[in-house]
Protein backbone atom coordinates (compact mmCIF):
# COMPACT_ATOMS: atom_id res chain seq x y z
CA UNK A 1 36.18 154.01 227.23
CA UNK A 2 35.75 157.24 229.08
CA UNK A 3 37.80 160.32 228.15
CA UNK A 4 39.99 159.79 231.41
CA UNK A 5 40.80 156.09 230.15
CA UNK A 6 41.76 157.42 226.86
CA UNK A 7 44.60 159.40 228.22
CA UNK A 8 45.66 156.94 230.58
CA UNK A 9 45.99 153.97 228.11
CA UNK A 10 49.28 153.10 226.53
CA UNK A 11 49.99 153.74 222.90
CA UNK A 12 49.11 149.96 222.10
CA UNK A 13 45.96 149.77 224.02
CA UNK A 14 44.80 153.05 222.17
CA UNK A 15 45.47 151.62 218.74
CA UNK A 16 43.73 148.56 219.87
CA UNK A 17 40.63 150.35 221.03
CA UNK A 18 40.42 152.38 217.99
CA UNK A 19 40.50 149.38 215.88
CA UNK A 20 37.83 147.93 218.17
CA UNK A 21 35.61 150.89 217.78
CA UNK A 22 35.97 151.13 214.09
CA UNK A 23 34.83 147.61 213.77
CA UNK A 24 31.87 148.18 215.98
CA UNK A 25 31.08 150.99 213.91
CA UNK A 26 31.06 149.08 210.75
CA UNK A 27 28.88 146.40 212.30
CA UNK A 28 26.47 149.04 213.59
CA UNK A 29 26.21 150.67 210.17
CA UNK A 30 25.66 147.03 208.62
CA UNK A 31 23.03 146.44 211.11
CA UNK A 32 21.31 149.75 210.08
CA UNK A 33 21.42 149.09 206.49
CA UNK A 34 19.98 145.56 206.87
CA UNK A 35 17.18 146.91 209.41
CA UNK A 36 18.47 145.03 212.48
CA UNK A 37 19.75 147.81 214.49
CA UNK A 38 17.62 148.55 217.55
CA UNK A 39 19.58 151.24 219.30
CA UNK A 40 20.45 153.85 216.69
CA UNK A 41 21.77 156.32 219.31
CA UNK A 42 24.62 153.90 219.39
CA UNK A 43 26.23 154.99 216.13
CA UNK A 44 27.41 158.52 217.08
CA UNK A 45 28.38 157.26 220.43
CA UNK A 46 30.88 154.95 218.95
CA UNK A 47 31.85 157.63 216.33
CA UNK A 48 32.85 159.98 219.10
CA UNK A 49 34.67 157.36 220.95
CA UNK A 50 36.60 156.68 217.84
CA UNK A 51 37.21 160.40 217.46
CA UNK A 52 38.40 160.90 221.18
CA UNK A 53 40.87 157.78 220.61
CA UNK A 54 42.10 159.30 217.22
CA UNK A 55 42.66 162.61 218.85
CA UNK A 56 44.71 161.22 221.69
CA UNK A 57 46.86 159.23 219.31
CA UNK A 58 47.48 162.25 217.03
CA UNK A 59 48.36 164.38 219.97
CA UNK A 60 50.87 161.76 221.00
CA UNK A 61 52.51 161.66 217.78
CA UNK A 62 52.69 165.37 217.56
CA UNK A 63 54.23 165.28 221.04
CA UNK A 64 56.83 162.83 220.27
CA UNK A 65 57.91 164.79 217.10
CA UNK A 66 58.28 168.06 219.07
CA UNK A 67 59.53 166.69 222.22
């Protein structure tokens, strides 16, 4: 999910994407621990993706409280 698409998604889509990113991160860490992970660069990519989504969700929460 690109940065532009994060902003363009609805709240429900963001929460679904966040859950999906966290699940993928869990699976990647599990693969790393068991020695099955081939692309270790994917872990920081997914962490950044989850952080971007979390940031947008929080910004919308704050915007709803202030607005």
